[in-house]
Amino acid sequence: MARQWVAAFLCVASVVAPSFAQGPRRIARPTYSSYVQRWHAAVADRSAPVDDSGRTKLALAILNTGERAELTALAAGGGFSPRDLDLASRVLREPSSGNEHPIEPRLLDAIYRIQLHFNAQEIRVISGYRTPRAIAGSHISNHGRGRAMDIVVPGVSDEDVAKFARGMGFMGVGIYPTSGFVHVDVRDRSYFWVDSSGPGRRNRERGILGVIAAQADRDAAARGEKGMPAEIIGDVDAVLGGHAPPALPVQEEDED
């Protein structure tokens, strides 16, 4: 899986601290694993924000930009105003280009359900929208449709987050044990996978739990829920308004 955000996030210059007594001393660059540990660590004595009625807000902390958004749910299970949907699109933009895309409301509802289930202080976002490349016949991932986020729930293991998300129905759920996050998207039919590739490496996706995925969709359908339409797009350049984005360093061939 190509992850431009990882390269950007870890592009930290080595710091050299001058010492007149001992000469220059190089301070070690933080390791990737140290970032992962920091992402997963909950902040002591912090709880999720609430609105005037006491209902929990959806709190999104964007790790690549340091921005934060608190969205007010219109009902117990989610639902957000047009103003909050616009705010979500802005903070979940692609950091490298500044490109924005409308975020699918059902995705925000799903992320909100995850936050509520774990009583999490916030949802930390590794990646939201990513601009598709305008190449004929290329695959457009759900990140390029505003239907996906790569997330961390502070204080909760990725395995537990993935297990809960798999039960919601009509979901794409990918766990990345080496890179340290969970991919969550909304789609027409559930698909679960694990990818052990490291940051910036070619994906090593392996589909898992097909029987559980099918059952989750049946259960969701019985509750009256529906999956997202497949949304087949043939002409990427037309979708982008005739303005192709700048070529990314590595072509995205990641999860749906």
C-alpha atoms as a PDB file:
ATOM      1  CA  MET A   1       0.000   0.000   0.000  1.00  0.00           C
ATOM      2  CA  ALA A   2       1.426   3.327  -1.024  1.00  0.00           C
ATOM      3  CA  ARG A   3       1.297   5.842   1.814  1.00  0.00           C
ATOM      4  CA  GLN A   4       2.497   9.301   0.893  1.00  0.00           C
ATOM      5  CA  TRP A   5       1.242  10.565   4.228  1.00  0.00           C
ATOM      6  CA  VAL A   6       3.731   8.341   6.051  1.00  0.00           C
ATOM      7  CA  ALA A   7       6.686   9.764   4.158  1.00  0.00           C
ATOM      8  CA  ALA A   8       5.498  13.292   4.823  1.00  0.00           C
ATOM      9  CA  PHE A   9       4.744  12.635   8.463  1.00  0.00           C
ATOM     10  CA  LEU A  10       8.146  11.097   9.141  1.00  0.00           C
ATOM     11  CA  CYS A  11      10.165  13.656   7.185  1.00  0.00           C
ATOM     12  CA  VAL A  12      11.664  15.075  10.371  1.00  0.00           C
ATOM     13  CA  ALA A  13      15.084  16.648  10.071  1.00  0.00           C
ATOM     14  CA  SER A  14      17.750  15.332  12.432  1.00  0.00           C
ATOM     15  CA  VAL A  15      18.496  17.830  15.150  1.00  0.00           C
ATOM     16  CA  VAL A  16      22.054  18.665  16.049  1.00  0.00           C
ATOM     17  CA  ALA A  17      22.577  20.261  19.451  1.00  0.00           C
ATOM     18  CA  PRO A  18      25.829  22.183  19.828  1.00  0.00           C
ATOM     19  CA  SER A  19      27.749  21.643  23.038  1.00  0.00           C
ATOM     20  CA  PHE A  20      30.743  23.833  23.735  1.00  0.00           C
ATOM     21  CA  ALA A  21      32.127  21.343  26.229  1.00  0.00           C
ATOM     22  CA  GLN A  22      31.720  18.148  24.229  1.00  0.00           C
ATOM     23  CA  GLY A  23      31.215  19.334  20.645  1.00  0.00           C
ATOM     24  CA  PRO A  24      28.175  18.737  18.434  1.00  0.00           C
ATOM     25  CA  ARG A  25      25.879  15.939  19.588  1.00  0.00           C
ATOM     26  CA  ARG A  26      23.347  14.326  17.254  1.00  0.00           C
ATOM     27  CA  ILE A  27      19.948  13.638  18.786  1.00  0.00           C
ATOM     28  CA  ALA A  28      18.383  10.412  17.563  1.00  0.00           C
ATOM     29  CA  ARG A  29      15.417  10.713  15.231  1.00  0.00           C
ATOM     30  CA  PRO A  30      12.220   9.232  16.685  1.00  0.00           C
ATOM     31  CA  THR A  31      11.470   5.768  15.357  1.00  0.00           C
ATOM     32  CA  TYR A  32       8.253   4.943  13.557  1.00  0.00           C
ATOM     33  CA  SER A  33       7.214   2.662  16.408  1.00  0.00           C
ATOM     34  CA  SER A  34       7.496   5.584  18.808  1.00  0.00           C
ATOM     35  CA  TYR A  35       5.014   7.526  16.674  1.00  0.00           C
ATOM     36  CA  VAL A  36       2.625   4.563  16.720  1.00  0.00           C
ATOM     37  CA  GLN A  37       2.829   4.355  20.502  1.00  0.00           C
ATOM     38  CA  ARG A  38       2.125   8.077  20.773  1.00  0.00           C
ATOM     39  CA  TRP A  39      -0.887   7.818  18.454  1.00  0.00           C
ATOM     40  CA  HIS A  40      -2.416   5.105  20.629  1.00  0.00           C
ATOM     41  CA  ALA A  41      -1.795   6.722  23.998  1.00  0.00           C
ATOM     42  CA  ALA A  42      -4.829   8.331  25.595  1.00  0.00           C
ATOM     43  CA  VAL A  43      -4.416  11.706  27.307  1.00  0.00           C
ATOM     44  CA  ALA A  44      -4.937  11.392  31.044  1.00  0.00           C
ATOM     45  CA  ASP A  45      -8.070  13.005  32.484  1.00  0.00           C
ATOM     46  CA  ARG A  46      -9.442  13.940  29.051  1.00  0.00           C
ATOM     47  CA  SER A  47     -12.925  12.943  27.970  1.00  0.00           C
ATOM     48  CA  ALA A  48     -14.867  13.425  24.763  1.00  0.00           C
ATOM     49  CA  PRO A  49     -16.511  16.838  24.284  1.00  0.00           C
ATOM     50  CA  VAL A  50     -20.278  17.097  24.735  1.00  0.00           C
ATOM     51  CA  ASP A  51     -22.909  19.474  23.398  1.00  0.00           C
ATOM     52  CA  ASP A  52     -25.310  21.582  25.469  1.00  0.00           C
ATOM     53  CA  SER A  53     -27.634  18.618  25.927  1.00  0.00           C
ATOM     54  CA  GLY A  54     -24.831  16.405  27.185  1.00  0.00           C
ATOM     55  CA  ARG A  55     -24.580  14.317  24.007  1.00  0.00           C
ATOM     56  CA  THR A  56     -21.079  13.292  22.989  1.00  0.00           C
ATOM     57  CA  LYS A  57     -19.614  15.136  20.021  1.00  0.00           C
ATOM     58  CA  LEU A  58     -17.596  13.437  17.310  1.00  0.00           C
ATOM     59  CA  ALA A  59     -14.040  14.610  17.964  1.00  0.00           C
ATOM     60  CA  LEU A  60     -11.580  14.254  15.069  1.00  0.00           C
ATOM     61  CA  ALA A  61      -7.890  14.917  15.740  1.00  0.00           C
ATOM     62  CA  ILE A  62      -5.931  15.090  12.480  1.00  0.00           C
ATOM     63  CA  LEU A  63      -2.403  13.869  13.127  1.00  0.00           C
ATOM     64  CA  ASN A  64      -0.815  15.187   9.925  1.00  0.00           C
ATOM     65  CA  THR A  65      -1.972  18.788  10.376  1.00  0.00           C
ATOM     66  CA  GLY A  66      -2.580  19.131  14.098  1.00  0.00           C
ATOM     67  CA  GLU A  67      -6.126  20.333  13.385  1.00  0.00           C
ATOM     68  CA  ARG A  68      -9.149  19.287  15.366  1.00  0.00           C
ATOM     69  CA  ALA A  69     -12.881  19.270  14.647  1.00  0.00           C
ATOM     70  CA  GLU A  70     -15.752  18.693  17.046  1.00  0.00           C
ATOM     71  CA  LEU A  71     -18.987  17.789  15.266  1.00  0.00           C
ATOM     72  CA  THR A  72     -22.386  17.907  16.949  1.00  0.00           C
ATOM     73  CA  ALA A  73     -24.501  14.802  16.338  1.00  0.00           C
ATOM     74  CA  LEU A  74     -28.136  15.478  15.504  1.00  0.00           C
ATOM     75  CA  ALA A  75     -29.273  12.128  16.927  1.00  0.00           C
ATOM     76  CA  ALA A  76     -27.999   9.405  19.222  1.00  0.00           C
ATOM     77  CA  GLY A  77     -26.570   7.436  16.300  1.00  0.00           C
ATOM     78  CA  GLY A  78     -25.024  10.355  14.454  1.00  0.00           C
ATOM     79  CA  GLY A  79     -26.195  12.613  11.665  1.00  0.00           C
ATOM     80  CA  PHE A  80     -24.481  15.947  11.148  1.00  0.00           C
ATOM     81  CA  SER A  81     -25.494  19.361   9.860  1.00  0.00           C
ATOM     82  CA  PRO A  82     -24.349  20.675   6.458  1.00  0.00           C
ATOM     83  CA  ARG A  83     -22.061  23.080   8.304  1.00  0.00           C
ATOM     84  CA  ASP A  84     -20.387  20.221  10.176  1.00  0.00           C
ATOM     85  CA  LEU A  85     -20.139  18.169   6.984  1.00  0.00           C
ATOM     86  CA  ASP A  86     -18.285  21.085   5.392  1.00  0.00           C
ATOM     87  CA  LEU A  87     -15.998  21.263   8.427  1.00  0.00           C
ATOM     88  CA  ALA A  88     -15.281  17.537   8.157  1.00  0.00           C
ATOM     89  CA  SER A  89     -14.394  17.901   4.477  1.00  0.00           C
ATOM     90  CA  ARG A  90     -11.987  20.704   5.316  1.00  0.00           C
ATOM     91  CA  VAL A  91     -10.095  18.987   8.126  1.00  0.00           C
ATOM     92  CA  LEU A  92     -10.035  15.628   6.317  1.00  0.00           C
ATOM     93  CA  ARG A  93      -8.486  17.154   3.192  1.00  0.00           C
ATOM     94  CA  GLU A  94      -5.313  15.798   1.632  1.00  0.00           C
ATOM     95  CA  PRO A  95      -2.531  17.645   3.507  1.00  0.00           C
ATOM     96  CA  SER A  96       0.053  17.533   0.712  1.00  0.00           C
ATOM     97  CA  SER A  97      -2.152  19.240  -1.896  1.00  0.00           C
ATOM     98  CA  GLY A  98      -4.879  20.889   0.157  1.00  0.00           C
ATOM     99  CA  ASN A  99      -7.483  19.151  -2.023  1.00  0.00           C
ATOM    100  CA  GLU A 100     -10.862  18.646  -0.371  1.00  0.00           C
ATOM    101  CA  HIS A 101     -13.743  16.303  -1.133  1.00  0.00           C
ATOM    102  CA  PRO A 102     -17.195  15.896   0.417  1.00  0.00           C
ATOM    103  CA  ILE A 103     -17.069  13.286   3.154  1.00  0.00           C
ATOM    104  CA  GLU A 104     -19.743  10.625   3.012  1.00  0.00           C
ATOM    105  CA  PRO A 105     -22.117  11.222   5.968  1.00  0.00           C
ATOM    106  CA  ARG A 106     -22.414   7.471   6.606  1.00  0.00           C
ATOM    107  CA  LEU A 107     -18.679   7.313   7.174  1.00  0.00           C
ATOM    108  CA  LEU A 108     -18.923   9.974   9.864  1.00  0.00           C
ATOM    109  CA  ASP A 109     -21.808   8.055  11.445  1.00  0.00           C
ATOM    110  CA  ALA A 110     -19.684   4.884  11.492  1.00  0.00           C
ATOM    111  CA  ILE A 111     -16.714   6.675  13.049  1.00  0.00           C
ATOM    112  CA  TYR A 112     -19.056   8.247  15.604  1.00  0.00           C
ATOM    113  CA  ARG A 113     -20.374   4.794  16.542  1.00  0.00           C
ATOM    114  CA  ILE A 114     -16.804   3.636  17.082  1.00  0.00           C
ATOM    115  CA  GLN A 115     -16.063   6.612  19.331  1.00  0.00           C
ATOM    116  CA  LEU A 116     -19.234   6.031  21.369  1.00  0.00           C
ATOM    117  CA  HIS A 117     -18.678   2.280  21.715  1.00  0.00           C
ATOM    118  CA  PHE A 118     -15.227   2.732  23.214  1.00  0.00           C
ATOM    119  CA  ASN A 119     -16.112   5.934  25.104  1.00  0.00           C
ATOM    120  CA  ALA A 120     -13.064   7.407  23.383  1.00  0.00           C
ATOM    121  CA  GLN A 121     -11.874  10.932  24.076  1.00  0.00           C
ATOM    122  CA  GLU A 122     -11.362  11.446  20.328  1.00  0.00           C
ATOM    123  CA  ILE A 123     -10.694   9.684  17.047  1.00  0.00           C
ATOM    124  CA  ARG A 124      -7.194  10.257  15.679  1.00  0.00           C
ATOM    125  CA  VAL A 125      -7.063  10.365  11.899  1.00  0.00           C
ATOM    126  CA  ILE A 126      -3.986   9.220  10.015  1.00  0.00           C
ATOM    127  CA  SER A 127      -5.501   9.751   6.571  1.00  0.00           C
ATOM    128  CA  GLY A 128      -8.834  10.922   5.192  1.00  0.00           C
ATOM    129  CA  TYR A 129      -9.289  12.096   1.620  1.00  0.00           C
ATOM    130  CA  ARG A 130      -6.579  11.273  -0.896  1.00  0.00           C
ATOM    131  CA  THR A 131      -6.693  12.660  -4.443  1.00  0.00           C
ATOM    132  CA  PRO A 132      -7.033   9.947  -7.114  1.00  0.00           C
ATOM    133  CA  ARG A 133      -4.530   9.964  -9.924  1.00  0.00           C
ATOM    134  CA  ALA A 134      -6.004  10.831 -13.324  1.00  0.00           C
ATOM    135  CA  ILE A 135      -4.846   7.711 -15.145  1.00  0.00           C
ATOM    136  CA  ALA A 136      -7.196   5.958 -17.559  1.00  0.00           C
ATOM    137  CA  GLY A 137      -8.530   2.751 -16.071  1.00  0.00           C
ATOM    138  CA  SER A 138      -6.948   3.370 -12.659  1.00  0.00           C
ATOM    139  CA  HIS A 139      -8.651   2.207  -9.508  1.00  0.00           C
ATOM    140  CA  ILE A 140     -10.204   4.868  -7.279  1.00  0.00           C
ATOM    141  CA  SER A 141      -9.976   3.871  -3.644  1.00  0.00           C
ATOM    142  CA  ASN A 142     -12.605   4.790  -1.106  1.00  0.00           C
ATOM    143  CA  HIS A 143     -10.179   7.412   0.214  1.00  0.00           C
ATOM    144  CA  GLY A 144     -10.586   9.107  -3.167  1.00  0.00           C
ATOM    145  CA  ARG A 145     -14.375   9.058  -2.791  1.00  0.00           C
ATOM    146  CA  GLY A 146     -14.526  10.549   0.696  1.00  0.00           C
ATOM    147  CA  ARG A 147     -15.670   7.202   2.055  1.00  0.00           C
ATOM    148  CA  ALA A 148     -12.650   6.092   4.086  1.00  0.00           C
ATOM    149  CA  MET A 149     -10.453   7.021   7.017  1.00  0.00           C
ATOM    150  CA  ASP A 150      -7.376   5.455   8.556  1.00  0.00           C
ATOM    151  CA  ILE A 151      -7.825   5.860  12.293  1.00  0.00           C
ATOM    152  CA  VAL A 152      -6.487   5.211  15.753  1.00  0.00           C
ATOM    153  CA  VAL A 153      -8.666   5.124  18.863  1.00  0.00           C
ATOM    154  CA  PRO A 154      -6.535   6.278  21.803  1.00  0.00           C
ATOM    155  CA  GLY A 155      -6.413   3.776  24.627  1.00  0.00           C
ATOM    156  CA  VAL A 156      -7.861   0.979  22.472  1.00  0.00           C
ATOM    157  CA  SER A 157      -6.034  -1.720  20.545  1.00  0.00           C
ATOM    158  CA  ASP A 158      -6.365  -1.777  16.768  1.00  0.00           C
ATOM    159  CA  GLU A 159      -7.587  -5.366  17.025  1.00  0.00           C
ATOM    160  CA  ASP A 160     -10.524  -4.334  19.225  1.00  0.00           C
ATOM    161  CA  VAL A 161     -11.382  -1.403  16.945  1.00  0.00           C
ATOM    162  CA  ALA A 162     -11.373  -3.662  13.890  1.00  0.00           C
ATOM    163  CA  LYS A 163     -13.464  -6.328  15.626  1.00  0.00           C
ATOM    164  CA  PHE A 164     -16.185  -3.824  16.506  1.00  0.00           C
ATOM    165  CA  ALA A 165     -16.174  -2.158  13.085  1.00  0.00           C
ATOM    166  CA  ARG A 166     -16.560  -5.519  11.359  1.00  0.00           C
ATOM    167  CA  GLY A 167     -19.867  -6.049  13.116  1.00  0.00           C
ATOM    168  CA  MET A 168     -21.508  -2.891  11.781  1.00  0.00           C
ATOM    169  CA  GLY A 169     -22.252  -4.224   8.299  1.00  0.00           C
ATOM    170  CA  PHE A 170     -21.501  -2.863   4.830  1.00  0.00           C
ATOM    171  CA  MET A 171     -18.011  -1.882   5.966  1.00  0.00           C
ATOM    172  CA  GLY A 172     -14.485  -2.182   4.691  1.00  0.00           C
ATOM    173  CA  VAL A 173     -12.179  -2.859   7.625  1.00  0.00           C
ATOM    174  CA  GLY A 174      -8.447  -3.292   7.199  1.00  0.00           C
ATOM    175  CA  ILE A 175      -5.983  -3.729  10.022  1.00  0.00           C
ATOM    176  CA  TYR A 176      -2.347  -2.693   9.548  1.00  0.00           C
ATOM    177  CA  PRO A 177      -0.366  -4.197  12.447  1.00  0.00           C
ATOM    178  CA  THR A 178       3.016  -2.917  11.243  1.00  0.00           C
ATOM    179  CA  SER A 179       1.875   0.581  10.317  1.00  0.00           C
ATOM    180  CA  GLY A 180      -0.313   0.848  13.405  1.00  0.00           C
ATOM    181  CA  PHE A 181      -3.822   1.867  12.365  1.00  0.00           C
ATOM    182  CA  VAL A 182      -7.218   0.596  11.216  1.00  0.00           C
ATOM    183  CA  HIS A 183      -8.740   1.476   7.853  1.00  0.00           C
ATOM    184  CA  VAL A 184     -12.517   1.974   7.963  1.00  0.00           C
ATOM    185  CA  ASP A 185     -14.752   2.660   4.978  1.00  0.00           C
ATOM    186  CA  VAL A 186     -18.412   2.381   3.978  1.00  0.00           C
ATOM    187  CA  ARG A 187     -19.300   0.291   0.934  1.00  0.00           C
ATOM    188  CA  ASP A 188     -21.890  -1.916  -0.738  1.00  0.00           C
ATOM    189  CA  ARG A 189     -20.600  -5.207   0.664  1.00  0.00           C
ATOM    190  CA  SER A 190     -18.330  -5.843   3.625  1.00  0.00           C
ATOM    191  CA  TYR A 191     -14.742  -6.866   3.063  1.00  0.00           C
ATOM    192  CA  PHE A 192     -12.119  -7.369   5.766  1.00  0.00           C
ATOM    193  CA  TRP A 193      -8.375  -7.681   5.407  1.00  0.00           C
ATOM    194  CA  VAL A 194      -5.022  -7.527   7.138  1.00  0.00           C
ATOM    195  CA  ASP A 195      -1.925  -5.919   5.629  1.00  0.00           C
ATOM    196  CA  SER A 196       1.420  -6.493   7.310  1.00  0.00           C
ATOM    197  CA  SER A 197       3.392  -4.202   5.007  1.00  0.00           C
ATOM    198  CA  GLY A 198       5.318  -1.365   6.577  1.00  0.00           C
ATOM    199  CA  PRO A 199       5.002   2.368   5.863  1.00  0.00           C
ATOM    200  CA  GLY A 200       5.632   3.211   2.215  1.00  0.00           C
ATOM    201  CA  ARG A 201       5.966  -0.454   1.239  1.00  0.00           C
ATOM    202  CA  ARG A 202       3.992  -2.338  -1.390  1.00  0.00           C
ATOM    203  CA  ASN A 203       0.774  -3.645   0.068  1.00  0.00           C
ATOM    204  CA  ARG A 204       0.522  -7.215   1.303  1.00  0.00           C
ATOM    205  CA  GLU A 205      -3.240  -7.335   1.670  1.00  0.00           C
ATOM    206  CA  ARG A 206      -4.853 -10.612   2.650  1.00  0.00           C
ATOM    207  CA  GLY A 207      -8.624 -10.963   2.808  1.00  0.00           C
ATOM    208  CA  ILE A 208      -9.947 -12.508   6.012  1.00  0.00           C
ATOM    209  CA  LEU A 209     -13.197 -13.499   7.746  1.00  0.00           C
ATOM    210  CA  GLY A 210     -15.356 -13.708   4.636  1.00  0.00           C
ATOM    211  CA  VAL A 211     -18.107 -15.642   6.415  1.00  0.00           C
ATOM    212  CA  ILE A 212     -18.247 -13.041   9.202  1.00  0.00           C
ATOM    213  CA  ALA A 213     -18.378 -10.229   6.630  1.00  0.00           C
ATOM    214  CA  ALA A 214     -21.373 -11.797   4.887  1.00  0.00           C
ATOM    215  CA  GLN A 215     -23.174 -12.353   8.195  1.00  0.00           C
ATOM    216  CA  ALA A 216     -22.540  -8.750   9.280  1.00  0.00           C
ATOM    217  CA  ASP A 217     -24.230  -7.534   6.089  1.00  0.00           C
ATOM    218  CA  ARG A 218     -27.210  -9.847   6.609  1.00  0.00           C
ATOM    219  CA  ASP A 219     -27.609  -8.607  10.170  1.00  0.00           C
ATOM    220  CA  ALA A 220     -27.373  -4.979   9.047  1.00  0.00           C
ATOM    221  CA  ALA A 221     -29.944  -5.576   6.301  1.00  0.00           C
ATOM    222  CA  ALA A 222     -32.282  -7.132   8.873  1.00  0.00           C
ATOM    223  CA  ARG A 223     -31.996  -3.890  10.857  1.00  0.00           C
ATOM    224  CA  GLY A 224     -33.119  -1.998   7.770  1.00  0.00           C
ATOM    225  CA  GLU A 225     -29.683  -0.708   6.828  1.00  0.00           C
ATOM    226  CA  LYS A 226     -28.355  -0.553   3.279  1.00  0.00           C
ATOM    227  CA  GLY A 227     -24.881  -0.526   1.799  1.00  0.00           C
ATOM    228  CA  MET A 228     -23.406   2.233  -0.293  1.00  0.00           C
ATOM    229  CA  PRO A 229     -23.823   2.067  -4.089  1.00  0.00           C
ATOM    230  CA  ALA A 230     -20.753   0.747  -5.887  1.00  0.00           C
ATOM    231  CA  GLU A 231     -20.234   4.092  -7.705  1.00  0.00           C
ATOM    232  CA  ILE A 232     -18.312   2.922 -10.746  1.00  0.00           C
ATOM    233  CA  ILE A 233     -16.287   5.755 -12.250  1.00  0.00           C
ATOM    234  CA  GLY A 234     -14.888   5.386 -15.740  1.00  0.00           C
ATOM    235  CA  ASP A 235     -13.377   8.788 -16.501  1.00  0.00           C
ATOM    236  CA  VAL A 236     -11.316  10.022 -13.589  1.00  0.00           C
ATOM    237  CA  ASP A 237     -10.268  13.214 -15.355  1.00  0.00           C
ATOM    238  CA  ALA A 238     -13.918  14.147 -15.947  1.00  0.00           C
ATOM    239  CA  VAL A 239     -14.694  13.581 -12.268  1.00  0.00           C
ATOM    240  CA  LEU A 240     -11.867  15.930 -11.369  1.00  0.00           C
ATOM    241  CA  GLY A 241     -13.335  18.645 -13.595  1.00  0.00           C
ATOM    242  CA  GLY A 242     -10.730  18.293 -16.299  1.00  0.00           C
ATOM    243  CA  HIS A 243      -7.918  19.301 -13.957  1.00  0.00           C
ATOM    244  CA  ALA A 244      -5.662  16.414 -13.134  1.00  0.00           C
ATOM    245  CA  PRO A 245      -3.924  16.653  -9.766  1.00  0.00           C
ATOM    246  CA  PRO A 246      -0.153  16.661  -9.588  1.00  0.00           C
ATOM    247  CA  ALA A 247       1.331  13.202  -9.877  1.00  0.00           C
ATOM    248  CA  LEU A 248       1.991  11.629  -6.515  1.00  0.00           C
ATOM    249  CA  PRO A 249       5.356  10.042  -5.763  1.00  0.00           C
ATOM    250  CA  VAL A 250       3.898   6.531  -5.765  1.00  0.00           C
ATOM    251  CA  GLN A 251       0.669   5.410  -7.414  1.00  0.00           C
ATOM    252  CA  GLU A 252      -1.986   4.392  -4.938  1.00  0.00           C
ATOM    253  CA  GLU A 253      -2.894   0.727  -5.256  1.00  0.00           C
ATOM    254  CA  ASP A 254      -4.332   0.351  -1.827  1.00  0.00           C
ATOM    255  CA  GLU A 255      -7.518  -0.818  -0.255  1.00  0.00           C
ATOM    256  CA  ASP A 256     -10.945  -0.273  -1.757  1.00  0.00           C
END
